[in-house]
C-alpha atoms as a PDB file:
ATOM      1  CA  MET A   1     156.880 139.948 293.214  1.00  0.00           C
ATOM      2  CA  PHE A   2     153.229 139.396 293.989  1.00  0.00           C
ATOM      3  CA  PHE A   3     150.487 136.893 293.347  1.00  0.00           C
ATOM      4  CA  GLN A   4     147.156 138.371 292.366  1.00  0.00           C
ATOM      5  CA  LYS A   5     144.204 136.103 293.036  1.00  0.00           C
ATOM      6  CA  THR A   6     140.989 136.984 291.254  1.00  0.00           C
ATOM      7  CA  SER A   7     137.604 135.594 290.450  1.00  0.00           C
ATOM      8  CA  ARG A   8     136.977 134.051 287.049  1.00  0.00           C
ATOM      9  CA  ASN A   9     135.060 137.070 285.769  1.00  0.00           C
ATOM     10  CA  PHE A  10     137.891 139.475 286.577  1.00  0.00           C
ATOM     11  CA  GLY A  11     137.688 141.314 283.261  1.00  0.00           C
ATOM     12  CA  PRO A  12     137.084 144.709 281.683  1.00  0.00           C
ATOM     13  CA  GLY A  13     134.016 146.417 283.001  1.00  0.00           C
ATOM     14  CA  THR A  14     133.301 143.914 285.757  1.00  0.00           C
ATOM     15  CA  GLY A  15     132.889 144.801 289.387  1.00  0.00           C
ATOM     16  CA  SER A  16     135.024 141.905 290.536  1.00  0.00           C
ATOM     17  CA  SER A  17     137.219 142.460 293.522  1.00  0.00           C
ATOM     18  CA  ALA A  18     140.828 141.306 293.428  1.00  0.00           C
ATOM     19  CA  ARG A  19     142.777 139.544 296.122  1.00  0.00           C
ATOM     20  CA  ASP A  20     146.460 140.060 295.548  1.00  0.00           C
ATOM     21  CA  TYR A  21     149.731 138.569 296.604  1.00  0.00           C
ATOM     22  CA  ARG A  22     152.950 140.310 295.626  1.00  0.00           C
ATOM     23  CA  PHE A  23     156.662 139.911 296.155  1.00  0.00           C
ATOM     24  CA  ALA A  24     158.882 142.989 296.490  1.00  0.00           C
ATOM     25  CA  LYS A  25     162.057 142.076 294.672  1.00  0.00           C
ATOM     26  CA  ASN A  26     165.566 142.759 295.984  1.00  0.00           C
ATOM     27  CA  GLY A  27     168.000 141.027 293.655  1.00  0.00           C
ATOM     28  CA  TYR A  28     167.640 138.204 291.089  1.00  0.00           C
ATOM     29  CA  ASP A  29     164.683 136.031 292.031  1.00  0.00           C
ATOM     30  CA  PRO A  30     164.844 132.474 290.690  1.00  0.00           C
ATOM     31  CA  LEU A  31     161.281 131.768 291.807  1.00  0.00           C
ATOM     32  CA  ALA A  32     159.492 134.286 289.627  1.00  0.00           C
ATOM     33  CA  LYS A  33     159.390 132.184 286.483  1.00  0.00           C
ATOM     34  CA  THR A  34     159.321 128.870 288.330  1.00  0.00           C
ATOM     35  CA  ILE A  35     156.163 129.513 290.367  1.00  0.00           C
ATOM     36  CA  GLY A  36     154.403 130.848 287.293  1.00  0.00           C
ATOM     37  CA  LEU A  37     154.392 127.361 285.780  1.00  0.00           C
ATOM     38  CA  ARG A  38     151.589 126.222 288.055  1.00  0.00           C
ATOM     39  CA  PRO A  39     148.108 126.696 286.608  1.00  0.00           C
ATOM     40  CA  PRO A  40     146.001 128.678 287.160  1.00  0.00           C
ATOM     41  CA  LYS A  41     148.754 131.189 287.963  1.00  0.00           C
ATOM     42  CA  SER A  42     149.715 133.552 285.171  1.00  0.00           C
ATOM     43  CA  GLY A  43     152.889 135.569 284.797  1.00  0.00           C
ATOM     44  CA  PHE A  44     152.972 138.862 282.918  1.00  0.00           C
ATOM     45  CA  VAL A  45     154.952 138.138 279.749  1.00  0.00           C
ATOM     46  CA  PHE A  46     157.172 140.589 277.863  1.00  0.00           C
ATOM     47  CA  LEU A  47     154.997 140.402 274.746  1.00  0.00           C
ATOM     48  CA  GLY A  48     152.127 141.900 276.723  1.00  0.00           C
ATOM     49  CA  SER A  49     153.988 145.032 277.778  1.00  0.00           C
ATOM     50  CA  PRO A  50     153.671 147.361 274.759  1.00  0.00           C
ATOM     51  CA  LYS A  51     150.251 146.107 273.620  1.00  0.00           C
ATOM     52  CA  PRO A  52     148.237 144.571 276.461  1.00  0.00           C
ATOM     53  CA  CYS A  53     145.129 144.526 274.270  1.00  0.00           C
ATOM     54  CA  ALA A  54     144.820 141.705 271.749  1.00  0.00           C
ATOM     55  CA  PHE A  55     143.679 143.292 268.492  1.00  0.00           C
ATOM     56  CA  PRO A  56     141.084 141.453 266.354  1.00  0.00           C
ATOM     57  CA  GLU A  57     143.703 140.048 264.002  1.00  0.00           C
ATOM     58  CA  ARG A  58     145.686 138.641 266.921  1.00  0.00           C
ATOM     59  CA  ARG A  59     144.723 135.767 269.167  1.00  0.00           C
ATOM     60  CA  PRO A  60     144.629 136.365 272.924  1.00  0.00           C
ATOM     61  CA  PHE A  61     147.815 135.395 274.706  1.00  0.00           C
ATOM     62  CA  GLY A  62     147.672 131.786 275.888  1.00  0.00           C
ATOM     63  CA  PRO A  63     149.621 129.944 278.588  1.00  0.00           C
ATOM     64  CA  VAL A  64     153.363 129.784 277.942  1.00  0.00           C
ATOM     65  CA  SER A  65     155.130 126.443 277.861  1.00  0.00           C
ATOM     66  CA  PRO A  66     158.565 125.873 279.390  1.00  0.00           C
ATOM     67  CA  PRO A  67     161.360 126.702 276.937  1.00  0.00           C
ATOM     68  CA  SER A  68     162.843 123.888 274.910  1.00  0.00           C
ATOM     69  CA  SER A  69     165.995 122.324 276.287  1.00  0.00           C
ATOM     70  CA  ARG A  70     167.500 122.576 272.805  1.00  0.00           C
ATOM     71  CA  PRO A  71     169.761 125.643 272.470  1.00  0.00           C
ATOM     72  CA  THR A  72     168.333 128.243 270.117  1.00  0.00           C
ATOM     73  CA  GLU A  73     170.215 130.602 267.843  1.00  0.00           C
ATOM     74  CA  ARG A  74     171.032 133.911 269.478  1.00  0.00           C
ATOM     75  CA  LYS A  75     170.764 136.948 267.259  1.00  0.00           C
ATOM     76  CA  GLY A  76     169.820 140.622 267.234  1.00  0.00           C
ATOM     77  CA  PRO A  77     169.903 142.412 270.597  1.00  0.00           C
ATOM     78  CA  ALA A  78     170.932 139.236 272.413  1.00  0.00           C
ATOM     79  CA  LEU A  79     174.264 139.459 270.596  1.00  0.00           C
ATOM     80  CA  SER A  80     174.623 143.239 270.436  1.00  0.00           C
ATOM     81  CA  PHE A  81     173.928 143.647 274.155  1.00  0.00           C
ATOM     82  CA  ALA A  82     174.972 140.256 275.445  1.00  0.00           C
ATOM     83  CA  ARG A  83     176.064 141.620 278.821  1.00  0.00           C
ATOM     84  CA  PHE A  84     172.581 142.969 279.538  1.00  0.00           C
ATOM     85  CA  PHE A  85     170.940 139.681 278.599  1.00  0.00           C
ATOM     86  CA  ALA A  86     173.270 137.887 281.002  1.00  0.00           C
ATOM     87  CA  ILE A  87     171.879 140.129 283.760  1.00  0.00           C
ATOM     88  CA  HIS A  88     168.210 140.388 282.777  1.00  0.00           C
ATOM     89  CA  PRO A  89     167.136 137.940 280.061  1.00  0.00           C
ATOM     90  CA  VAL A  90     164.311 139.278 277.907  1.00  0.00           C
ATOM     91  CA  GLU A  91     162.286 136.633 276.088  1.00  0.00           C
ATOM     92  CA  HIS A  92     159.046 137.338 274.245  1.00  0.00           C
ATOM     93  CA  ASN A  93     157.085 134.511 275.882  1.00  0.00           C
ATOM     94  CA  ALA A  94     158.729 134.553 279.307  1.00  0.00           C
ATOM     95  CA  PRO A  95     157.616 136.429 282.437  1.00  0.00           C
ATOM     96  CA  GLU A  96     158.645 140.080 282.621  1.00  0.00           C
ATOM     97  CA  GLU A  97     158.315 142.841 285.199  1.00  0.00           C
ATOM     98  CA  GLU A  98     154.981 144.657 285.167  1.00  0.00           C
ATOM     99  CA  VAL A  99     156.799 147.962 285.608  1.00  0.00           C
ATOM    100  CA  LEU A 100     156.400 148.045 281.826  1.00  0.00           C
ATOM    101  CA  LEU A 101     152.642 148.248 282.360  1.00  0.00           C
ATOM    102  CA  LEU A 102     153.127 151.003 284.934  1.00  0.00           C
ATOM    103  CA  ASP A 103     155.119 152.806 282.263  1.00  0.00           C
ATOM    104  CA  GLN A 104     151.922 153.132 280.217  1.00  0.00           C
ATOM    105  CA  SER A 105     150.951 155.895 282.671  1.00  0.00           C
ATOM    106  CA  PHE A 106     154.328 157.704 282.348  1.00  0.00           C
ATOM    107  CA  LEU A 107     154.753 157.306 286.117  1.00  0.00           C
ATOM    108  CA  SER A 108     157.332 154.538 286.340  1.00  0.00           C
ATOM    109  CA  THR A 109     161.054 154.254 286.997  1.00  0.00           C
ATOM    110  CA  VAL A 110     161.643 152.836 283.511  1.00  0.00           C
ATOM    111  CA  PRO A 111     162.964 156.141 282.063  1.00  0.00           C
ATOM    112  CA  GLU A 112     165.572 156.634 284.794  1.00  0.00           C
ATOM    113  CA  ALA A 113     166.575 152.978 284.550  1.00  0.00           C
ATOM    114  CA  THR A 114     167.188 153.235 280.810  1.00  0.00           C
ATOM    115  CA  MET A 115     168.461 156.826 280.495  1.00  0.00           C
ATOM    116  CA  GLN A 116     170.157 159.550 282.518  1.00  0.00           C
ATOM    117  CA  VAL A 117     167.148 161.743 283.338  1.00  0.00           C
ATOM    118  CA  PRO A 118     167.800 163.158 286.836  1.00  0.00           C
ATOM    119  CA  ARG A 119     165.155 165.897 286.616  1.00  0.00           C
ATOM    120  CA  PHE A 120     162.479 163.385 285.677  1.00  0.00           C
ATOM    121  CA  ALA A 121     163.622 161.106 288.500  1.00  0.00           C
ATOM    122  CA  ALA A 122     163.364 163.928 291.039  1.00  0.00           C
ATOM    123  CA  TRP A 123     159.926 164.879 289.708  1.00  0.00           C
ATOM    124  CA  LEU A 124     158.699 161.278 289.855  1.00  0.00           C
ATOM    125  CA  GLU A 125     159.489 160.932 293.559  1.00  0.00           C
ATOM    126  CA  LYS A 126     157.023 163.753 294.287  1.00  0.00           C
ATOM    127  CA  GLN A 127     154.117 162.347 292.269  1.00  0.00           C
ATOM    128  CA  ASP A 128     151.080 160.450 293.515  1.00  0.00           C
ATOM    129  CA  GLN A 129     151.429 156.940 292.109  1.00  0.00           C
ATOM    130  CA  THR A 130     147.763 156.090 292.604  1.00  0.00           C
ATOM    131  CA  PRO A 131     146.801 156.748 288.940  1.00  0.00           C
ATOM    132  CA  ALA A 132     149.661 154.514 287.779  1.00  0.00           C
ATOM    133  CA  TYR A 133     148.600 151.631 290.003  1.00  0.00           C
ATOM    134  CA  GLU A 134     144.960 152.053 289.051  1.00  0.00           C
ATOM    135  CA  THR A 135     146.032 151.843 285.413  1.00  0.00           C
ATOM    136  CA  LEU A 136     148.038 148.728 286.253  1.00  0.00           C
ATOM    137  CA  ALA A 137     144.944 147.164 287.810  1.00  0.00           C
ATOM    138  CA  ARG A 138     142.864 147.930 284.704  1.00  0.00           C
ATOM    139  CA  LEU A 139     145.502 146.498 282.375  1.00  0.00           C
ATOM    140  CA  LEU A 140     145.754 143.363 284.487  1.00  0.00           C
ATOM    141  CA  LYS A 141     141.980 142.995 284.238  1.00  0.00           C
ATOM    142  CA  LEU A 142     142.245 143.273 280.474  1.00  0.00           C
ATOM    143  CA  LEU A 143     144.958 140.622 280.325  1.00  0.00           C
ATOM    144  CA  GLN A 144     143.069 138.482 282.837  1.00  0.00           C
ATOM    145  CA  TRP A 145     140.023 138.605 280.589  1.00  0.00           C
ATOM    146  CA  GLN A 146     142.108 137.311 277.672  1.00  0.00           C
ATOM    147  CA  ARG A 147     143.982 134.594 279.527  1.00  0.00           C
ATOM    148  CA  GLY A 148     141.478 133.314 282.050  1.00  0.00           C
ATOM    149  CA  ALA A 149     143.893 132.326 284.825  1.00  0.00           C
ATOM    150  CA  LYS A 150     142.829 132.975 288.403  1.00  0.00           C
ATOM    151  CA  ARG A 151     146.039 134.451 289.799  1.00  0.00           C
ATOM    152  CA  TRP A 152     148.796 136.795 288.746  1.00  0.00           C
ATOM    153  CA  LEU A 153     152.424 136.301 289.728  1.00  0.00           C
ATOM    154  CA  LEU A 154     154.190 139.658 289.401  1.00  0.00           C
ATOM    155  CA  LYS A 155     157.410 141.305 290.515  1.00  0.00           C
ATOM    156  CA  THR A 156     159.352 144.543 290.173  1.00  0.00           C
ATOM    157  CA  PRO A 157     161.622 146.572 292.500  1.00  0.00           C
ATOM    158  CA  HIS A 158     159.447 149.596 291.673  1.00  0.00           C
ATOM    159  CA  HIS A 159     157.006 148.561 294.404  1.00  0.00           C
ATOM    160  CA  LEU A 160     159.527 148.985 297.224  1.00  0.00           C
ATOM    161  CA  GLU A 161     159.063 152.735 296.929  1.00  0.00           C
ATOM    162  CA  PHE A 162     155.277 152.607 296.752  1.00  0.00           C
ATOM    163  CA  LEU A 163     154.055 149.823 299.040  1.00  0.00           C
ATOM    164  CA  ASP A 164     151.444 152.159 300.496  1.00  0.00           C
ATOM    165  CA  VAL A 165     149.907 152.799 297.077  1.00  0.00           C
ATOM    166  CA  LEU A 166     150.208 149.155 296.065  1.00  0.00           C
ATOM    167  CA  VAL A 167     148.197 148.068 299.100  1.00  0.00           C
ATOM    168  CA  LYS A 168     145.688 150.893 298.625  1.00  0.00           C
ATOM    169  CA  VAL A 169     144.900 149.736 295.101  1.00  0.00           C
ATOM    170  CA  PHE A 170     145.300 146.012 295.894  1.00  0.00           C
ATOM    171  CA  PRO A 171     144.082 145.959 299.511  1.00  0.00           C
ATOM    172  CA  SER A 172     144.402 142.205 300.087  1.00  0.00           C
ATOM    173  CA  ALA A 173     148.032 142.036 298.987  1.00  0.00           C
ATOM    174  CA  LYS A 174     150.230 139.325 300.488  1.00  0.00           C
ATOM    175  CA  ILE A 175     153.837 140.393 299.955  1.00  0.00           C
ATOM    176  CA  ILE A 176     156.901 138.183 299.765  1.00  0.00           C
ATOM    177  CA  HIS A 177     159.960 140.322 300.383  1.00  0.00           C
ATOM    178  CA  THR A 178     163.363 138.917 299.477  1.00  0.00           C
ATOM    179  CA  HIS A 179     166.454 140.287 301.225  1.00  0.00           C
ATOM    180  CA  ARG A 180     170.040 140.516 300.014  1.00  0.00           C
ATOM    181  CA  ASP A 181     173.233 142.149 301.254  1.00  0.00           C
ATOM    182  CA  PRO A 182     173.165 145.683 299.768  1.00  0.00           C
ATOM    183  CA  LEU A 183     176.919 145.524 299.167  1.00  0.00           C
ATOM    184  CA  VAL A 184     176.039 142.945 296.538  1.00  0.00           C
ATOM    185  CA  SER A 185     172.550 143.977 295.441  1.00  0.00           C
ATOM    186  CA  VAL A 186     173.439 147.648 294.834  1.00  0.00           C
ATOM    187  CA  ALA A 187     176.436 146.678 292.717  1.00  0.00           C
ATOM    188  CA  SER A 188     174.309 144.182 290.802  1.00  0.00           C
ATOM    189  CA  PHE A 189     171.536 146.710 290.217  1.00  0.00           C
ATOM    190  CA  CYS A 190     173.961 149.406 289.054  1.00  0.00           C
ATOM    191  CA  SER A 191     175.496 146.917 286.645  1.00  0.00           C
ATOM    192  CA  MET A 192     172.080 146.074 285.198  1.00  0.00           C
ATOM    193  CA  VAL A 193     171.188 149.760 284.794  1.00  0.00           C
ATOM    194  CA  PHE A 194     174.570 150.562 283.237  1.00  0.00           C
ATOM    195  CA  GLN A 195     174.258 147.807 280.645  1.00  0.00           C
ATOM    196  CA  GLY A 196     170.613 148.702 280.017  1.00  0.00           C
ATOM    197  CA  GLN A 197     171.409 152.356 279.419  1.00  0.00           C
ATOM    198  CA  ARG A 198     174.057 151.348 276.889  1.00  0.00           C
ATOM    199  CA  ILE A 199     171.205 150.045 274.735  1.00  0.00           C
ATOM    200  CA  PHE A 200     169.479 153.446 274.644  1.00  0.00           C
ATOM    201  CA  SER A 201     172.359 155.936 274.959  1.00  0.00           C
ATOM    202  CA  ASP A 202     175.583 156.564 273.063  1.00  0.00           C
ATOM    203  CA  GLN A 203     177.477 157.476 276.230  1.00  0.00           C
ATOM    204  CA  VAL A 204     176.894 156.116 279.732  1.00  0.00           C
ATOM    205  CA  ASN A 205     178.941 157.160 282.752  1.00  0.00           C
ATOM    206  CA  ALA A 206     179.325 154.338 285.273  1.00  0.00           C
ATOM    207  CA  VAL A 207     180.074 156.726 288.148  1.00  0.00           C
ATOM    208  CA  GLU A 208     176.914 158.742 287.436  1.00  0.00           C
ATOM    209  CA  VAL A 209     174.922 155.509 287.423  1.00  0.00           C
ATOM    210  CA  GLY A 210     176.469 154.580 290.766  1.00  0.00           C
ATOM    211  CA  GLN A 211     175.757 157.961 292.333  1.00  0.00           C
ATOM    212  CA  HIS A 212     172.140 158.029 291.188  1.00  0.00           C
ATOM    213  CA  TRP A 213     171.169 154.453 291.949  1.00  0.00           C
ATOM    214  CA  SER A 214     172.995 154.068 295.249  1.00  0.00           C
ATOM    215  CA  ARG A 215     170.940 157.002 296.535  1.00  0.00           C
ATOM    216  CA  LYS A 216     167.778 155.849 294.771  1.00  0.00           C
ATOM    217  CA  THR A 217     167.891 152.269 296.045  1.00  0.00           C
ATOM    218  CA  ALA A 218     168.542 153.466 299.598  1.00  0.00           C
ATOM    219  CA  TYR A 219     165.575 155.830 299.275  1.00  0.00           C
ATOM    220  CA  MET A 220     163.342 153.026 298.002  1.00  0.00           C
ATOM    221  CA  VAL A 221     164.360 150.731 300.843  1.00  0.00           C
ATOM    222  CA  GLN A 222     163.815 153.464 303.441  1.00  0.00           C
ATOM    223  CA  LYS A 223     160.286 154.003 302.148  1.00  0.00           C
ATOM    224  CA  ALA A 224     159.635 150.271 302.333  1.00  0.00           C
ATOM    225  CA  LEU A 225     160.982 150.178 305.896  1.00  0.00           C
ATOM    226  CA  ALA A 226     158.732 153.063 306.895  1.00  0.00           C
ATOM    227  CA  TYR A 227     155.668 151.346 305.472  1.00  0.00           C
ATOM    228  CA  ARG A 228     156.471 147.970 306.965  1.00  0.00           C
ATOM    229  CA  SER A 229     157.011 149.454 310.427  1.00  0.00           C
ATOM    230  CA  GLN A 230     153.264 150.121 310.648  1.00  0.00           C
ATOM    231  CA  ALA A 231     151.835 147.477 308.309  1.00  0.00           C
ATOM    232  CA  PRO A 232     150.354 144.162 309.517  1.00  0.00           C
ATOM    233  CA  SER A 233     153.224 141.680 309.702  1.00  0.00           C
ATOM    234  CA  GLN A 234     151.039 138.763 308.594  1.00  0.00           C
ATOM    235  CA  ASN A 235     150.814 140.318 305.135  1.00  0.00           C
ATOM    236  CA  PHE A 236     154.563 139.851 304.566  1.00  0.00           C
ATOM    237  CA  LEU A 237     156.820 136.839 304.199  1.00  0.00           C
ATOM    238  CA  ASP A 238     160.549 137.575 304.447  1.00  0.00           C
ATOM    239  CA  ILE A 239     162.987 135.339 302.580  1.00  0.00           C
ATOM    240  CA  GLN A 240     166.758 135.681 302.546  1.00  0.00           C
ATOM    241  CA  TYR A 241     168.246 135.733 299.052  1.00  0.00           C
ATOM    242  CA  GLN A 242     170.963 133.280 300.057  1.00  0.00           C
ATOM    243  CA  ASP A 243     168.334 130.792 301.234  1.00  0.00           C
ATOM    244  CA  LEU A 244     166.392 131.357 298.036  1.00  0.00           C
ATOM    245  CA  THR A 245     169.329 130.437 295.812  1.00  0.00           C
ATOM    246  CA  GLN A 246     170.846 127.687 297.948  1.00  0.00           C
ATOM    247  CA  ASP A 247     167.641 125.893 298.950  1.00  0.00           C
ATOM    248  CA  THR A 248     165.050 126.981 296.419  1.00  0.00           C
ATOM    249  CA  TRP A 249     162.633 124.122 296.988  1.00  0.00           C
ATOM    250  CA  ALA A 250     162.515 124.574 300.747  1.00  0.00           C
ATOM    251  CA  GLN A 251     161.683 128.245 300.237  1.00  0.00           C
ATOM    252  CA  LEU A 252     158.984 127.334 297.722  1.00  0.00           C
ATOM    253  CA  ALA A 253     157.487 125.016 300.325  1.00  0.00           C
ATOM    254  CA  ARG A 254     157.465 127.922 302.810  1.00  0.00           C
ATOM    255  CA  ILE A 255     155.687 130.114 300.286  1.00  0.00           C
ATOM    256  CA  TYR A 256     152.966 127.591 299.518  1.00  0.00           C
ATOM    257  CA  GLN A 257     152.449 126.891 303.205  1.00  0.00           C
ATOM    258  CA  TRP A 258     152.229 130.606 303.970  1.00  0.00           C
ATOM    259  CA  LEU A 259     149.692 131.142 301.210  1.00  0.00           C
ATOM    260  CA  GLY A 260     147.715 128.122 302.330  1.00  0.00           C
ATOM    261  CA  GLU A 261     147.933 126.475 298.916  1.00  0.00           C
ATOM    262  CA  ALA A 262     148.609 122.868 297.964  1.00  0.00           C
ATOM    263  CA  TRP A 263     151.799 121.997 296.094  1.00  0.00           C
ATOM    264  CA  PRO A 264     151.057 118.834 294.080  1.00  0.00           C
ATOM    265  CA  ALA A 265     153.943 116.531 293.192  1.00  0.00           C
ATOM    266  CA  GLU A 266     153.303 116.885 289.456  1.00  0.00           C
ATOM    267  CA  VAL A 267     153.541 120.670 289.735  1.00  0.00           C
ATOM    268  CA  LYS A 268     156.814 120.431 291.636  1.00  0.00           C
ATOM    269  CA  ALA A 269     158.162 118.090 288.939  1.00  0.00           C
ATOM    270  CA  LYS A 270     157.308 120.627 286.220  1.00  0.00           C
ATOM    271  CA  MET A 271     159.042 123.351 288.200  1.00  0.00           C
ATOM    272  CA  GLN A 272     162.158 121.229 288.636  1.00  0.00           C
ATOM    273  CA  THR A 273     162.232 120.472 284.920  1.00  0.00           C
ATOM    274  CA  TYR A 274     161.947 124.159 284.055  1.00  0.00           C
ATOM    275  CA  HIS A 275     164.594 125.049 286.631  1.00  0.00           C
ATOM    276  CA  ALA A 276     167.010 122.540 285.074  1.00  0.00           C
ATOM    277  CA  GLN A 277     166.342 123.672 281.497  1.00  0.00           C
ATOM    278  CA  ALA A 278     166.578 127.411 282.199  1.00  0.00           C
ATOM    279  CA  PRO A 279     169.577 127.901 284.510  1.00  0.00           C
ATOM    280  CA  ALA A 280     170.314 131.366 285.876  1.00  0.00           C
ATOM    281  CA  HIS A 281     173.485 131.904 283.818  1.00  0.00           C
ATOM    282  CA  ARG A 282     172.358 130.519 280.470  1.00  0.00           C
ATOM    283  CA  TYR A 283     173.087 133.888 278.793  1.00  0.00           C
ATOM    284  CA  GLY A 284     176.436 134.305 280.528  1.00  0.00           C
ATOM    285  CA  LEU A 285     177.856 135.105 283.944  1.00  0.00           C
ATOM    286  CA  HIS A 286     177.014 138.454 285.542  1.00  0.00           C
ATOM    287  CA  GLN A 287     180.145 140.004 287.041  1.00  0.00           C
ATOM    288  CA  TYR A 288     180.128 143.303 288.950  1.00  0.00           C
ATOM    289  CA  ALA A 289     181.710 145.245 291.815  1.00  0.00           C
ATOM    290  CA  LEU A 290     180.892 148.432 293.718  1.00  0.00           C
ATOM    291  CA  GLU A 291     184.193 149.924 292.623  1.00  0.00           C
ATOM    292  CA  ASP A 292     183.065 149.752 288.994  1.00  0.00           C
ATOM    293  CA  PHE A 293     180.591 152.533 289.823  1.00  0.00           C
ATOM    294  CA  GLY A 294     182.722 154.687 292.100  1.00  0.00           C
ATOM    295  CA  LEU A 295     181.075 153.321 295.250  1.00  0.00           C
ATOM    296  CA  HIS A 296     182.712 152.434 298.572  1.00  0.00           C
ATOM    297  CA  PRO A 297     181.429 149.642 300.828  1.00  0.00           C
ATOM    298  CA  ASP A 298     181.389 151.904 303.896  1.00  0.00           C
ATOM    299  CA  ARG A 299     179.095 154.373 302.139  1.00  0.00           C
ATOM    300  CA  ILE A 300     176.654 151.602 301.241  1.00  0.00           C
ATOM    301  CA  ARG A 301     176.714 150.154 304.764  1.00  0.00           C
ATOM    302  CA  GLN A 302     175.923 153.579 306.182  1.00  0.00           C
ATOM    303  CA  ALA A 303     173.085 154.248 303.722  1.00  0.00           C
ATOM    304  CA  PHE A 304     171.487 150.855 304.411  1.00  0.00           C
ATOM    305  CA  ALA A 305     172.313 150.582 308.115  1.00  0.00           C
ATOM    306  CA  GLN A 306     168.701 150.379 309.285  1.00  0.00           C
ATOM    307  CA  TYR A 307     167.803 147.826 306.636  1.00  0.00           C
ATOM    308  CA  ILE A 308     170.815 145.667 307.489  1.00  0.00           C
ATOM    309  CA  GLN A 309     169.977 145.797 311.184  1.00  0.00           C
ATOM    310  CA  THR A 310     166.308 144.989 310.586  1.00  0.00           C
ATOM    311  CA  TYR A 311     166.436 142.239 307.974  1.00  0.00           C
ATOM    312  CA  LEU A 312     169.965 140.891 307.596  1.00  0.00           C
ATOM    313  CA  SER A 313     171.066 140.426 311.205  1.00  0.00           C
ATOM    314  CA  LYS A 314     168.420 137.910 312.277  1.00  0.00           C
ATOM    315  CA  PRO A 315     166.887 134.673 310.978  1.00  0.00           C
ATOM    316  CA  ASN A 316     163.878 134.653 308.667  1.00  0.00           C
ATOM    317  CA  SER A 317     160.665 135.694 310.396  1.00  0.00           C
END
């Protein structure tokens, strides 16, 4: 995930510089939607992904309000693909990953996450992502111009593989990196991809998903490790996933302190209300195991050995 802090005139055609803060996501992040409730932060919403430009007959996207506590009728894809929605809820006015904006450049991991396209995936790893991130920056400027907020709160695992490009395009990035046991996170990610591919494909092989994404996630993490080994440590805040889920408010306090921002009581109250009204499992419980995808724990431990040693065997830094 990352915050992007901009000046008020951060819009199409301006020469405004952008100061950015981003989180690299590793597992479900309960903070992404919660932090976005604080004005003037703005989260990228799903409705903005296919058409970031507001056409004349449409009003610009405005701030989103917390969802009603009253249960709403579930229909359409939410019923047909209920297992996917339990893993990754998709709501038209709720925050969504900006990888969908990166996909506008045809240089994102969206195709391999939604279909079995191994040749495209291999090709993508060899491409310069700079044009994709420059396009992302332009689209964010366009959305910023419409919405007027001063900061962006964004997240997607895509950035783990391309931290060097992210920082090149957004040179003042402050990155919050969440960490989770890969024995759990890889199984969870494979489950999400498997259920997502079922939406777009008639036949999906769970073992093929496991083979592809166990290698891919290890590759992404290795690239992130390589970048972080030579990047300024003050630009990163490491948070353990277990701490994030068990003591969310303490971790939020750490984040605000690290960013040097105030956390007013009324803002915290709004966050707590949203958190209570939108629990993590409101669309169902996500159940998964490595064995479902033909994966063995020893193989995962070996592939992620350096990551485990670096980030999971010591307290938060």
